[in-house]
Amino acid sequence: MADERFLVVRLGSLGDIVHTFPAVAGLRESFPKSAIVWLTHPRWVDLVASSGLATEIWPVDSRDNSSVRQVLSKIRKLRWTAALDYQGLWKSAFLPFLGGISTRIGFSSETIREYGVQILYNQRVRCVTVHIADQNGELTLRAGARTAVAKPTLGVSNADAQKVRAELLADGLERYVVLSPGGGWRSKCWPAERYGALAARICAELGLRSVINYGPAEETLAADVKAASGDARPVVYDGELGALMALLRGAELIVGGDTGPLHLALALGTRGVAIYGPTDPARNGPYPPQEIVLRKPGAITSHKRITETDPSLLGISVNEVFEGVRQRLGAPA
């Protein structure tokens, strides 16, 4: 029905929004003419817009009282079919609750990590699936959708694509692999020296140079990877979101841990090799699960944000990752 209006709440972050796209694509496929308003942090407005799934995108900073008041005022002025909180945190659940939306759909206590958040929902979904993208899809089904998840199509602007291509060509890169050594917290990051050694092997044996992508406060990490790469001459890159999307879409392959750029690259159709340690790829891995995922048996799932590399990651060798790269690229042994 065209007169239905859904409020989607997913404030951040990069990888989590990417894992929300399939569920919202399922909502859009089921309700092609209905309004879908997406609440997200101002930093991620362009990312949400790239999916083309939302009728409107309302930025809100949950730490800014003025921003929250403004968005609550907008919510209260409209009639809503349902609100779907794909984030499951107090800061996200409060928005439809205080906005007075009568049907508020969220996860049950078995899925939510912040204690007590489920009391703000009046429809709580106890998930039977494992991957977070599929769990998001269960919320979509509770909203009355026929399809839990669908494949989203992300757009990259021609201007960003041309700009990034020109920059790479100036550095002598036409075909390249992206290495994404960061990951939010250090315990889930494969060591920088191993990324450097991997870049050296990719260059020497596959004839491809690497681009080292890094985010805020990761300058030293990227420099360490480059220093460990020998004569491989990788390019260090820290472009804005639009440029990052162009960079990732144009890559032959990405290598990274459980990090936003990895998930974004896969959503853009780029091949990948994923390196997992304390986070579980069954829940947070590539989606759909068609890429090569390396994780040591016996790795303990933990979301503790510690500064030391998880021991399970130290058990993954450069040779294992390189073989994954070679296999995913279809290069001869």
Foldseek 3Di string as FASTA:
>chain_A
DQAAEEEEEDADDQLLVLLLQFQLVLLCVQHVNYAYEYEYAPQCPVVVVQQVSHPYYQHADLVDPVRLVVVLVVLLVDAHLEYEYLPQDQSRLVNVLSSVHPAYEYADPVPHDDPPSCVSHPHHDDDPAAASSQVSLSSSVVSVGPGSTDQTAGDADPVLLVVLCVVQVVVVADAAEEEEQDAQFQQWGQALLLLLCLQQCCCVPVVHHYEYEYEPPCPVSSVSNVVNNPPSPYHYDYDRPSNLLSVLLSYQEYEYELHSSNQSSVSSPHAYEYEGAQADCSHRNHPPPPHHYDWDPPGHHDDDRDHDHHPRSVVQHSVNRSVSVCVRSVHDD
